[in-house]
Protein backbone atom coordinates (compact mmCIF):
# COMPACT_ATOMS: atom_id res chain seq x y z
CA MET A 1 11.19 -59.43 -43.77
CA SER A 2 7.72 -59.59 -44.59
CA GLU A 3 7.06 -56.96 -41.80
CA VAL A 4 9.60 -54.71 -43.68
CA VAL A 5 8.08 -55.03 -46.82
CA ASP A 6 4.72 -54.52 -45.58
CA GLU A 7 5.96 -51.37 -44.06
CA LYS A 8 7.46 -50.17 -46.99
CA SER A 9 4.61 -50.86 -48.94
CA MET A 10 2.38 -48.92 -46.68
CA ALA A 11 4.85 -46.02 -46.85
CA GLY A 12 4.68 -46.28 -50.45
CA GLY A 13 1.15 -46.66 -50.57
CA ALA A 14 0.77 -43.69 -48.21
CA GLN A 15 2.96 -41.71 -50.48
CA SER A 16 1.52 -42.53 -53.78
CA ASP A 17 -2.15 -41.93 -52.22
CA PRO A 18 -1.92 -38.18 -51.05
CA ILE A 19 -5.62 -38.24 -50.62
CA HIS A 20 -5.04 -40.88 -47.50
CA ALA A 21 -1.98 -38.89 -46.25
CA GLU A 22 -4.17 -35.73 -46.05
CA LYS A 23 -7.05 -37.60 -44.49
CA ALA A 24 -4.38 -38.85 -41.71
CA LEU A 25 -3.02 -35.77 -40.94
CA SER A 26 -6.50 -34.10 -40.60
CA GLU A 27 -7.38 -36.71 -38.20
CA ILE A 28 -4.22 -36.08 -36.16
CA ASP A 29 -5.12 -32.30 -36.00
CA HIS A 30 -8.67 -33.15 -35.08
CA ALA A 31 -7.53 -35.37 -32.35
CA ALA A 32 -4.99 -32.35 -31.04
CA ASP A 33 -8.04 -30.03 -31.25
CA LEU A 34 -10.10 -32.28 -29.39
CA ASP A 35 -7.35 -32.81 -26.80
CA ARG A 36 -6.61 -29.02 -26.51
CA ASN A 37 -10.41 -28.37 -26.24
CA ALA A 38 -10.90 -30.98 -23.26
CA LYS A 39 -7.75 -29.37 -21.54
CA ALA A 40 -9.37 -25.88 -21.87
CA SER A 41 -12.72 -26.93 -20.60
CA GLN A 42 -11.28 -28.85 -17.63
CA TYR A 43 -8.85 -25.82 -16.77
CA LYS A 44 -12.06 -23.24 -16.87
CA ALA A 45 -14.03 -25.75 -14.89
CA ASP A 46 -11.08 -25.82 -12.28
CA ALA A 47 -11.08 -22.09 -12.31
CA ILE A 48 -14.83 -21.70 -11.79
CA GLU A 49 -14.65 -24.29 -9.00
CA ALA A 50 -11.92 -22.20 -7.36
CA GLU A 51 -13.58 -18.97 -7.67
CA ASN A 52 -16.94 -20.63 -6.38
CA ASN A 53 -15.04 -21.83 -3.22
CA GLU A 54 -13.35 -18.17 -2.35
CA HIS A 55 -17.21 -16.59 -2.93
CA ASN A 56 -18.51 -19.24 -0.59
CA MET A 57 -15.77 -18.95 2.23
CA GLY A 58 -16.52 -16.91 5.17
CA VAL A 59 -13.79 -15.02 6.97
CA PHE A 60 -12.89 -17.47 9.57
CA GLU A 61 -13.13 -20.17 6.88
CA ALA A 62 -10.60 -18.18 4.75
CA MET A 63 -8.31 -18.10 7.74
CA LYS A 64 -8.36 -21.45 8.55
CA ALA A 65 -7.84 -22.54 4.76
CA TYR A 66 -5.11 -19.95 4.37
CA PRO A 67 -3.20 -19.48 7.83
CA MET A 68 0.39 -18.80 6.53
CA ALA A 69 -0.91 -16.18 3.91
CA SER A 70 -1.90 -14.21 6.93
CA PHE A 71 1.39 -14.89 8.35
CA TRP A 72 3.35 -13.69 5.49
CA ALA A 73 0.85 -10.70 5.04
CA PHE A 74 2.02 -9.55 8.32
CA VAL A 75 5.49 -9.74 7.58
CA MET A 76 5.56 -8.01 4.38
CA SER A 77 3.50 -5.33 6.02
CA SER A 78 6.13 -4.61 8.69
CA CYS A 79 8.29 -3.43 6.26
CA ILE A 80 6.24 -0.14 6.13
CA ILE A 81 7.30 0.14 10.27
CA MET A 82 10.60 1.60 8.59
CA GLU A 83 9.17 4.41 6.77
CA SER A 84 6.68 5.06 9.55
CA TYR A 85 9.47 5.08 12.01
CA ASP A 86 11.58 7.65 10.08
CA VAL A 87 8.65 9.77 8.95
CA PHE A 88 7.26 10.29 12.74
CA LEU A 89 11.05 10.25 13.92
CA ILE A 90 11.93 13.50 11.53
CA GLY A 91 8.52 15.25 12.68
CA ASN A 92 9.30 14.83 16.55
CA PHE A 93 13.04 15.86 16.01
CA VAL A 94 11.45 19.09 14.93
CA ALA A 95 10.03 19.56 18.50
CA LEU A 96 13.06 17.76 20.48
CA PRO A 97 15.01 20.26 22.66
CA ALA A 98 18.22 18.71 22.09
CA PHE A 99 17.80 18.65 18.11
CA ILE A 100 16.69 22.30 18.34
CA ASN A 101 19.51 23.37 20.24
CA GLU A 102 21.88 21.62 18.15
CA PHE A 103 20.63 22.71 14.53
CA GLY A 104 17.94 25.38 15.06
CA ILE A 105 17.91 29.08 15.05
CA VAL A 106 16.81 31.82 17.60
CA ASN A 107 13.42 32.91 17.05
CA PRO A 108 13.43 36.95 16.90
CA ALA A 109 9.81 37.14 18.37
CA ASP A 110 10.45 35.53 21.70
CA GLY A 111 14.28 34.55 21.69
CA THR A 112 13.84 30.89 21.69
CA MET A 113 15.41 28.34 19.63
CA VAL A 114 13.62 26.93 16.59
CA ILE A 115 14.46 24.88 13.39
CA ALA A 116 14.23 27.22 10.60
CA THR A 117 11.02 26.99 8.39
CA LYS A 118 12.86 26.08 5.08
CA TRP A 119 14.99 23.31 7.18
CA GLN A 120 11.85 22.12 9.08
CA SER A 121 10.17 21.60 5.42
CA ALA A 122 13.06 20.33 3.69
CA LEU A 123 13.98 17.57 6.43
CA GLN A 124 10.42 16.38 6.66
CA VAL A 125 10.11 16.23 2.48
CA SER A 126 13.71 14.91 2.02
CA GLY A 127 12.51 11.21 2.57
CA GLN A 128 9.57 11.37 0.36
CA LEU A 129 11.87 12.62 -2.33
CA GLY A 130 13.95 9.32 -2.11
CA ALA A 131 10.85 7.26 -1.95
CA LEU A 132 9.72 9.20 -4.87
CA ILE A 133 12.68 7.97 -6.95
CA GLY A 134 12.16 4.43 -5.29
CA VAL A 135 8.66 3.75 -6.40
CA PHE A 136 9.54 4.26 -9.85
CA VAL A 137 12.41 1.68 -9.58
CA ALA A 138 10.00 -0.71 -7.77
CA GLY A 139 7.59 -1.44 -10.60
CA PRO A 140 10.17 -2.54 -13.22
CA LEU A 141 12.16 -4.11 -10.66
CA THR A 142 9.32 -6.04 -9.04
CA SER A 143 8.06 -7.27 -12.46
CA ARG A 144 11.25 -8.45 -13.57
CA ILE A 145 12.57 -10.37 -10.17
CA GLY A 146 9.48 -10.54 -8.18
CA TYR A 147 8.17 -9.14 -4.74
CA ARG A 148 10.58 -10.99 -2.49
CA TRP A 149 13.86 -10.18 -3.99
CA ALA A 150 13.22 -6.48 -4.79
CA THR A 151 11.86 -6.10 -1.22
CA ILE A 152 15.20 -8.02 0.21
CA THR A 153 17.15 -5.62 -2.15
CA GLY A 154 15.31 -2.74 -0.44
CA LEU A 155 16.13 -3.86 3.00
CA MET A 156 19.75 -4.32 2.44
CA LEU A 157 20.10 -1.02 0.98
CA LEU A 158 18.47 0.51 3.98
CA ASN A 159 20.90 -1.02 6.40
CA ALA A 160 23.64 0.65 4.72
CA PHE A 161 22.06 4.26 4.40
CA ILE A 162 21.14 4.34 8.13
CA PHE A 163 24.96 4.64 8.71
CA VAL A 164 24.58 8.06 6.89
CA PHE A 165 22.02 9.22 8.86
CA TYR A 166 23.62 8.07 12.32
CA PHE A 167 26.93 9.87 11.66
CA ALA A 168 25.35 13.19 10.08
CA SER A 169 26.46 16.12 11.68
CA THR A 170 24.78 19.02 9.71
CA LEU A 171 21.46 19.50 8.34
CA PRO A 172 22.42 19.14 4.85
CA VAL A 173 24.00 16.00 5.47
CA ILE A 174 20.66 14.79 7.43
CA PHE A 175 18.97 15.94 4.35
CA ALA A 176 20.85 13.89 1.92
CA ALA A 177 20.79 10.70 4.27
CA GLN A 178 16.98 10.97 4.43
CA ILE A 179 16.99 11.11 0.31
CA LEU A 180 19.05 7.99 0.42
CA GLU A 181 16.78 6.10 3.02
CA GLY A 182 13.68 7.16 0.73
CA LEU A 183 14.81 4.97 -2.11
CA PRO A 184 14.01 1.65 -0.29
CA TRP A 185 10.94 2.96 1.30
CA GLY A 186 9.97 3.38 -2.25
CA ILE A 187 10.08 -0.29 -2.76
CA PHE A 188 8.39 -1.10 0.41
CA ILE A 189 5.36 1.04 0.03
CA ALA A 190 4.99 0.01 -3.68
CA ASN A 191 5.22 -3.81 -2.93
CA ALA A 192 3.42 -4.13 0.36
CA PRO A 193 -0.23 -3.55 -0.80
CA ALA A 194 0.21 -5.66 -3.97
CA TYR A 195 1.82 -8.56 -2.50
CA CYS A 196 -0.88 -8.52 0.35
CA SER A 197 -3.77 -8.36 -1.75
CA GLU A 198 -2.28 -11.27 -4.23
CA ILE A 199 -1.55 -14.00 -1.56
CA VAL A 200 -4.73 -14.02 0.40
CA PRO A 201 -8.21 -15.10 -0.59
CA MET A 202 -11.02 -12.55 -1.51
CA ARG A 203 -12.44 -12.62 2.03
CA LEU A 204 -8.98 -11.71 3.72
CA ARG A 205 -7.96 -8.81 1.32
CA ALA A 206 -9.47 -6.15 3.68
CA PRO A 207 -7.70 -7.19 6.76
CA ALA A 208 -4.39 -8.52 5.17
CA THR A 209 -3.71 -4.79 3.08
CA GLN A 210 -5.11 -3.05 6.12
CA MET A 211 -2.36 -4.17 8.29
CA LEU A 212 -0.12 -1.63 6.63
CA GLN A 213 -1.92 0.88 8.44
CA MET A 214 -1.57 -0.81 11.25
CA PHE A 215 2.19 -1.27 11.28
CA TRP A 216 2.33 2.86 10.27
CA ALA A 217 0.71 3.19 13.47
CA ILE A 218 3.17 0.79 15.29
CA GLY A 219 6.00 2.59 13.74
CA SER A 220 4.81 5.99 15.20
CA ILE A 221 4.39 4.30 18.74
CA ILE A 222 8.05 3.06 18.84
CA VAL A 223 9.18 6.55 17.76
CA GLY A 224 6.83 8.13 20.49
CA ALA A 225 7.92 5.92 23.04
CA VAL A 226 11.64 6.31 22.03
CA THR A 227 11.49 10.17 22.02
CA TYR A 228 9.49 10.48 24.98
CA VAL A 229 11.94 8.45 26.81
CA TYR A 230 15.04 10.63 25.32
CA ASN A 231 13.18 13.79 25.39
CA ASP A 232 14.96 15.30 28.61
CA ASN A 233 18.41 14.34 27.47
CA PRO A 234 20.12 17.39 26.71
CA ASP A 235 22.87 15.89 24.55
CA ALA A 236 23.07 14.22 21.01
CA SER A 237 21.97 10.92 22.63
CA ALA A 238 18.41 12.39 22.63
CA TYR A 239 18.51 11.57 18.75
CA ARG A 240 21.21 9.64 18.08
CA ILE A 241 19.78 6.73 19.82
CA PRO A 242 16.62 6.94 18.25
CA ILE A 243 18.36 6.80 14.88
CA ALA A 244 20.27 3.80 15.72
CA LEU A 245 17.16 1.98 16.54
CA GLN A 246 16.37 1.69 13.09
CA TRP A 247 18.66 -1.06 12.54
CA MET A 248 16.71 -3.35 14.59
CA PHE A 249 14.40 -3.96 11.77
CA PRO A 250 15.86 -4.42 8.11
CA THR A 251 18.09 -7.63 8.60
CA PRO A 252 15.26 -9.74 10.44
CA LEU A 253 12.88 -8.86 8.09
CA ALA A 254 15.17 -9.86 4.99
CA ILE A 255 15.73 -13.21 6.43
CA LEU A 256 12.20 -13.88 6.99
CA ILE A 257 10.97 -12.51 3.33
CA PHE A 258 13.74 -14.65 2.27
CA CYS A 259 12.25 -17.82 3.85
CA GLY A 260 8.54 -16.72 2.32
CA PRO A 261 6.65 -17.60 -0.59
CA GLU A 262 6.64 -15.38 -3.77
CA SER A 263 3.44 -14.42 -4.85
CA PRO A 264 1.52 -17.07 -6.93
CA TRP A 265 -0.15 -14.54 -9.31
CA TRP A 266 3.45 -13.16 -10.26
CA LEU A 267 4.58 -16.83 -10.70
CA VAL A 268 1.71 -17.24 -13.12
CA ARG A 269 2.25 -13.92 -14.93
CA LYS A 270 5.71 -15.49 -15.61
CA GLY A 271 4.23 -19.12 -16.72
CA ARG A 272 5.86 -20.68 -13.75
CA LEU A 273 2.84 -22.64 -13.10
CA GLU A 274 4.08 -25.51 -10.76
CA GLN A 275 6.06 -23.27 -8.81
CA ALA A 276 2.62 -21.12 -8.47
CA ALA A 277 0.94 -24.38 -7.22
CA HIS A 278 3.56 -24.84 -4.48
CA ALA A 279 3.27 -21.15 -3.50
CA VAL A 280 -0.44 -21.61 -3.03
CA GLY A 281 0.25 -24.59 -0.98
CA ARG A 282 2.56 -22.93 1.12
CA LEU A 283 0.08 -20.29 2.00
CA GLY A 284 -2.74 -22.55 2.88
CA ARG A 285 -3.49 -25.95 3.95
CA ARG A 286 -3.19 -28.55 1.42
CA SER A 287 -5.93 -30.75 3.07
CA ARG A 288 -8.04 -27.85 2.48
CA LEU A 289 -7.30 -26.64 -1.05
CA ASN A 290 -6.83 -27.73 -4.59
CA CYS A 291 -3.64 -25.70 -5.63
CA GLN A 292 -4.11 -26.66 -9.19
CA GLU A 293 -7.81 -25.16 -9.26
CA THR A 294 -6.47 -22.10 -7.56
CA VAL A 295 -3.54 -21.69 -10.09
CA ALA A 296 -6.42 -22.25 -12.93
CA MET A 297 -8.39 -19.42 -11.45
CA MET A 298 -5.49 -17.16 -11.57
CA ARG A 299 -4.34 -18.33 -15.18
CA ARG A 300 -7.99 -17.24 -16.14
CA VAL A 301 -7.51 -13.82 -14.97
CA VAL A 302 -3.98 -13.44 -16.63
CA ASP A 303 -5.25 -14.69 -19.61
CA LEU A 304 -8.12 -12.18 -19.57
CA GLU A 305 -5.54 -9.44 -19.20
CA LYS A 306 -3.05 -10.81 -21.56
CA SER A 307 -0.87 -8.43 -24.03
CA GLU A 308 1.77 -9.12 -26.26
CA LYS A 309 3.88 -6.32 -24.81
CA GLU A 310 5.43 -6.34 -21.52
CA PRO A 311 3.97 -4.38 -18.87
CA GLY A 312 5.11 -0.58 -19.04
CA PHE A 313 4.30 2.77 -17.37
CA THR A 314 2.46 3.93 -20.83
CA GLU A 315 -0.22 1.25 -20.29
CA LEU A 316 -1.55 2.86 -17.04
CA PHE A 317 -3.06 5.91 -18.93
CA LYS A 318 -4.80 3.76 -21.76
CA GLY A 319 -8.38 2.66 -21.98
CA THR A 320 -9.98 1.26 -18.64
CA ASP A 321 -6.40 1.31 -16.93
CA ALA A 322 -6.46 4.79 -17.32
CA TYR A 323 -9.47 4.99 -14.86
CA ARG A 324 -8.06 2.31 -12.45
CA THR A 325 -4.46 4.44 -12.41
CA ALA A 326 -6.71 7.41 -11.64
CA ILE A 327 -8.52 5.85 -8.57
CA VAL A 328 -5.32 4.35 -7.25
CA CYS A 329 -3.74 7.79 -7.47
CA GLY A 330 -6.89 9.56 -6.40
CA VAL A 331 -7.08 7.54 -2.95
CA TYR A 332 -3.28 8.30 -2.37
CA LEU A 333 -3.47 11.90 -3.15
CA ALA A 334 -6.55 11.85 -0.55
CA GLN A 335 -4.29 10.55 2.25
CA ASN A 336 -2.35 13.91 2.20
CA LEU A 337 -5.51 16.20 1.91
CA THR A 338 -7.58 14.83 4.52
CA GLY A 339 -5.92 15.01 7.98
CA ASN A 340 -3.21 12.85 7.39
CA LEU A 341 -0.42 15.40 7.70
CA ILE A 342 -1.91 16.60 11.12
CA ALA A 343 -1.56 12.91 12.07
CA ASN A 344 2.14 12.61 11.05
CA GLN A 345 3.08 16.03 12.42
CA ALA A 346 1.22 15.35 15.63
CA VAL A 347 3.38 16.39 18.36
CA TYR A 348 4.66 19.55 16.55
CA PHE A 349 0.83 20.47 16.14
CA PHE A 350 0.09 19.94 19.64
CA ARG A 351 3.30 22.13 20.63
CA GLN A 352 1.88 24.95 18.37
CA ALA A 353 -1.63 24.57 19.59
CA GLY A 354 0.00 25.79 23.29
CA VAL A 355 0.59 22.38 24.87
CA GLY A 356 3.49 21.76 27.15
CA THR A 357 6.75 19.69 25.61
CA ASN A 358 6.13 16.57 27.83
CA LEU A 359 2.18 16.64 27.35
CA ALA A 360 2.76 16.90 23.49
CA PHE A 361 4.88 13.84 23.44
CA ALA A 362 2.79 12.04 25.77
CA LEU A 363 -0.21 13.22 23.52
CA GLY A 364 1.79 11.91 20.47
CA LEU A 365 2.32 8.57 21.74
CA ILE A 366 -1.48 8.11 22.88
CA THR A 367 -2.31 9.17 19.37
CA SER A 368 -0.40 6.51 17.73
CA ALA A 369 -1.58 3.94 20.46
CA LEU A 370 -5.17 4.54 19.55
CA GLN A 371 -4.51 4.55 15.89
CA MET A 372 -3.46 1.09 16.20
CA ILE A 373 -6.55 -0.06 17.94
CA PHE A 374 -8.81 1.90 15.77
CA VAL A 375 -7.15 0.15 12.56
CA MET A 376 -7.86 -3.17 13.96
CA LEU A 377 -11.66 -1.99 14.33
CA SER A 378 -11.48 -0.82 10.94
CA TRP A 379 -10.84 -4.70 9.79
CA ILE A 380 -14.37 -5.57 10.73
CA LEU A 381 -15.97 -2.24 9.44
CA THR A 382 -14.48 -2.80 6.07
CA THR A 383 -15.10 -6.43 5.70
CA HIS A 384 -18.85 -6.24 6.60
CA PHE A 385 -19.66 -2.73 5.16
CA GLY A 386 -17.49 -2.65 1.96
CA ARG A 387 -14.41 -0.22 0.93
CA ARG A 388 -16.70 2.62 -0.53
CA SER A 389 -19.03 2.91 2.26
CA ILE A 390 -16.40 3.29 4.89
CA TYR A 391 -14.23 5.41 2.73
CA LEU A 392 -16.92 7.91 2.10
CA TRP A 393 -18.39 8.26 5.72
CA GLY A 394 -15.02 8.23 7.28
CA SER A 395 -13.86 11.42 4.84
CA ALA A 396 -17.26 13.27 5.51
CA PHE A 397 -16.64 12.85 9.35
CA ASN A 398 -13.21 13.99 8.99
CA THR A 399 -13.84 16.90 6.84
CA LEU A 400 -16.22 18.11 9.49
CA LEU A 401 -14.10 17.68 12.41
CA LEU A 402 -11.36 19.78 10.46
CA VAL A 403 -13.75 22.64 10.17
CA VAL A 404 -14.50 22.44 13.69
CA LEU A 405 -10.78 22.61 14.71
CA GLY A 406 -10.55 25.83 12.53
CA ILE A 407 -13.69 27.28 14.49
CA ALA A 408 -11.91 26.15 17.78
CA ALA A 409 -8.71 27.90 16.88
CA SER A 410 -10.27 31.12 15.58
CA VAL A 411 -12.23 32.04 19.22
CA GLY A 412 -9.22 33.49 20.60
CA LYS A 413 -6.02 32.18 22.53
CA SER A 414 -6.85 30.76 26.09
CA ASN A 415 -6.00 27.29 27.70
CA ALA A 416 -9.57 25.87 26.88
CA SER A 417 -8.93 26.78 23.27
CA SER A 418 -5.71 25.16 23.13
CA LEU A 419 -6.80 22.04 24.92
CA ALA A 420 -9.94 21.76 22.32
CA GLN A 421 -7.47 21.98 19.47
CA ALA A 422 -5.18 19.54 20.98
CA ALA A 423 -8.42 17.24 21.72
CA LEU A 424 -9.48 17.86 18.07
CA GLY A 425 -6.05 17.15 16.58
CA LEU A 426 -5.95 13.86 18.55
CA ILE A 427 -9.55 12.74 17.28
CA ILE A 428 -8.88 13.74 13.67
CA SER A 429 -5.46 11.58 13.62
CA VAL A 430 -7.31 8.90 15.38
CA MET A 431 -10.29 8.77 13.07
CA PHE A 432 -8.46 9.04 10.12
CA THR A 433 -7.12 5.42 10.91
CA LEU A 434 -10.88 4.05 11.50
CA GLY A 435 -12.16 5.05 7.98
CA PRO A 436 -10.46 6.62 4.90
CA ALA A 437 -6.82 5.52 5.84
CA PRO A 438 -7.12 1.54 5.98
CA ALA A 439 -10.04 1.49 3.51
CA SER A 440 -7.50 3.31 0.90
CA TRP A 441 -5.14 0.34 1.27
CA VAL A 442 -7.92 -2.07 0.41
CA ILE A 443 -8.79 -0.03 -2.63
CA ILE A 444 -5.06 0.39 -3.91
CA GLY A 445 -4.43 -3.46 -3.27
CA GLU A 446 -7.87 -4.29 -5.18
CA THR A 447 -8.07 -1.71 -7.98
CA SER A 448 -5.16 -2.49 -10.68
CA ALA A 449 -4.97 -5.00 -13.45
CA ILE A 450 -3.00 -7.77 -11.89
CA ARG A 451 -0.47 -7.36 -14.94
CA LEU A 452 -0.17 -3.84 -14.15
CA ARG A 453 -0.10 -4.09 -10.32
CA PRO A 454 3.66 -3.43 -9.35
CA LEU A 455 3.65 -0.69 -11.85
CA THR A 456 0.18 1.01 -10.70
CA THR A 457 0.69 0.58 -7.26
CA GLY A 458 3.96 2.09 -7.78
CA ILE A 459 2.78 5.14 -9.63
CA GLY A 460 0.06 5.98 -7.22
CA ARG A 461 2.46 6.12 -4.62
CA ALA A 462 4.43 8.60 -6.58
CA SER A 463 1.52 10.79 -6.99
CA TYR A 464 1.25 10.23 -3.06
CA TYR A 465 4.88 12.12 -2.67
CA ILE A 466 4.31 14.51 -5.37
CA VAL A 467 1.46 15.88 -3.56
CA GLU A 468 2.66 15.29 -0.14
CA ILE A 469 6.08 17.36 -0.88
CA PRO A 470 4.40 20.66 -1.33
CA CYS A 471 1.60 19.79 1.47
CA ILE A 472 4.44 19.41 3.72
CA PHE A 473 5.98 22.72 3.08
CA LEU A 474 2.48 24.43 3.39
CA ALA A 475 1.71 22.52 6.59
CA SER A 476 5.32 23.47 7.92
CA TYR A 477 4.50 27.26 7.14
CA MET A 478 1.03 27.12 8.44
CA LEU A 479 2.03 25.65 11.91
CA ASN A 480 5.58 27.31 12.12
CA PRO A 481 5.45 30.32 14.67
CA THR A 482 7.83 32.39 12.52
CA SER A 483 5.60 31.76 9.40
CA GLY A 484 1.74 31.58 9.00
CA ASN A 485 1.32 30.52 12.89
CA LEU A 486 -2.14 29.37 11.91
CA GLY A 487 -2.19 26.59 14.50
CA GLY A 488 -5.75 24.79 14.48
CA LYS A 489 -6.77 27.35 11.91
CA CYS A 490 -5.25 25.01 9.28
CA GLY A 491 -8.34 22.94 9.92
CA TYR A 492 -10.14 25.45 7.40
CA VAL A 493 -7.51 24.54 4.52
CA TRP A 494 -7.71 20.66 5.13
CA GLY A 495 -11.39 20.63 5.61
CA GLY A 496 -11.47 22.42 2.11
CA THR A 497 -9.28 19.86 0.26
CA GLY A 498 -11.08 16.87 2.21
CA LEU A 499 -14.56 18.19 0.86
CA LEU A 500 -13.13 17.99 -2.63
CA CYS A 501 -11.61 14.39 -2.37
CA LEU A 502 -14.98 13.41 -0.90
CA ILE A 503 -17.04 14.47 -3.88
CA THR A 504 -14.78 13.01 -6.25
CA ALA A 505 -14.85 9.71 -4.26
CA TYR A 506 -18.56 9.66 -4.18
CA PHE A 507 -18.86 9.77 -7.86
CA TYR A 508 -16.11 7.66 -9.15
CA LEU A 509 -14.89 5.20 -6.36
CA PRO A 510 -16.76 1.69 -6.95
CA GLU A 511 -17.46 -1.07 -4.47
CA MET A 512 -14.97 -3.83 -4.74
CA LYS A 513 -16.32 -5.83 -1.83
CA ASN A 514 -16.70 -9.52 -2.60
CA ARG A 515 -15.42 -9.36 -6.15
CA SER A 516 -13.17 -11.57 -7.56
CA TYR A 517 -10.37 -10.29 -9.60
CA ARG A 518 -11.99 -11.59 -12.64
CA GLU A 519 -15.26 -9.93 -12.05
CA ILE A 520 -13.18 -6.57 -11.13
CA ASP A 521 -11.74 -6.71 -14.64
CA ILE A 522 -14.76 -7.37 -16.39
CA LEU A 523 -16.89 -4.33 -14.54
CA PHE A 524 -13.99 -2.12 -15.33
CA ASN A 525 -14.15 -3.34 -19.22
CA ARG A 526 -17.85 -2.81 -19.18
CA LYS A 527 -17.56 0.95 -17.70
CA VAL A 528 -20.25 0.14 -15.16
CA SER A 529 -20.83 3.26 -13.36
CA ALA A 530 -18.95 3.58 -9.85
CA ARG A 531 -22.42 3.68 -7.82
CA LYS A 532 -23.91 0.64 -9.90
CA TRP A 533 -21.39 -1.80 -8.94
CA PRO A 534 -22.88 -3.35 -6.06
CA GLU A 535 -26.16 -4.09 -8.20
CA THR A 536 -24.23 -5.39 -11.22
CA VAL A 537 -24.38 -9.39 -11.74
CA VAL A 538 -21.20 -10.86 -13.29
CA ASP A 539 -21.86 -14.22 -14.44
CA ILE A 540 -19.29 -16.97 -13.31
CA ASN A 541 -19.18 -18.22 -16.99
CA ASP A 542 -17.96 -14.84 -18.58
CA ASP A 543 -14.72 -13.82 -19.96
CA GLU A 544 -14.36 -10.65 -21.12
């Protein structure tokens, strides 16, 4: 009873003494502030520790610490096989005798059968038209449901759309089928570089994102092998079987991706910190990692970029994000303007250079195999020499080779000239995958702000398709014997555009090798000149 009285008297005393009550509340607020400050201090200390650990890791140490991150990057990158397979498949179909006999017209110049220029161009841009729509869908979709579910959705849609392509019996239906297949391609190509760059530590960002170019080459190898085997078939099986083989990929990949982890960066952006820590644990060896510290490092970058608004496309063109978007778009554009179209139309290019059908398909297969080997060599070059250096030197060498190709085609028609053009076409296609192509994927994966990454990679790939579509029409016009009939002289055109891309990259492309995402954010916010990035120091304590 006395206790009750004491409590009441204390309560009454508190009520009757507002000064003491206010003091008590002030002490509670102060204690809460101290607790918050202590947590914030510990969180920043953990973030700094995790970032320092990544800086101190070598490549092999990073592979040992994050073995499963490399595996899941491998799985996500393999989705690119499907776009590559279909792009090269259509490119080979326009040189495939059975396809030409079924869908071609008579060339009035020599009486041979050819695919009409308008349809040759239309078929090769149809998939890109679909993908252009797909990349605009990919950004908002991935921002909402995550990389895994967005990619699985695309894979299941692709399974359905392959049916339309397989049973198509006219060129307009094939055109429509390719547009449908392009929709999920847009999701794959927008998500893959972003996901791969987010799940691996700093030292593995180059090889993880460059695997995309390797799988692009693998897709072309499979197409080259299949079309080479069926090249002599006189009936529809020569192109029906290669179409049906597309079903090899989507379902197994969907199962694997379902079993994989979501990007921990995406989970941190959504505030799901425990799930992010679990995802980090699945990507690396728990015995070698402190998952909470790694998540703290991610939180630090996400807080640095924090905004009241949901990520939107308009943000990509404001402030420093506009510069970052321009870099991603510029690198994507350059892929179409520095020799990539010769690589994508290698077999048809060889045929128009005067090489026989069987040799053209064999050279196409050799080109694809060499591309895969050279992509793997680029892992070493880009990791040790940097993205900017490899991109600039590779682009310069490719531009020179394109001009030499034009010269070889200008000396007159002869067997030696045809072989020289074929050889140069092969070298250009292969060297493109040693320098500018694989370095592009690393730059694309690293440049954008974390919160805007799905949208930036999507808009960047959209710019790729927007430029690629007219370039495909131009390339088809230049190579088709019923139109421009330029053959190797197209090297002059692509050499000129390649030089323009090289000059632009020299002034505006920064070197992001060995930079954490926090450092990249800060350097962009400080508006440091692209050529001064390597010499600029960012303190580990800086938050800007």
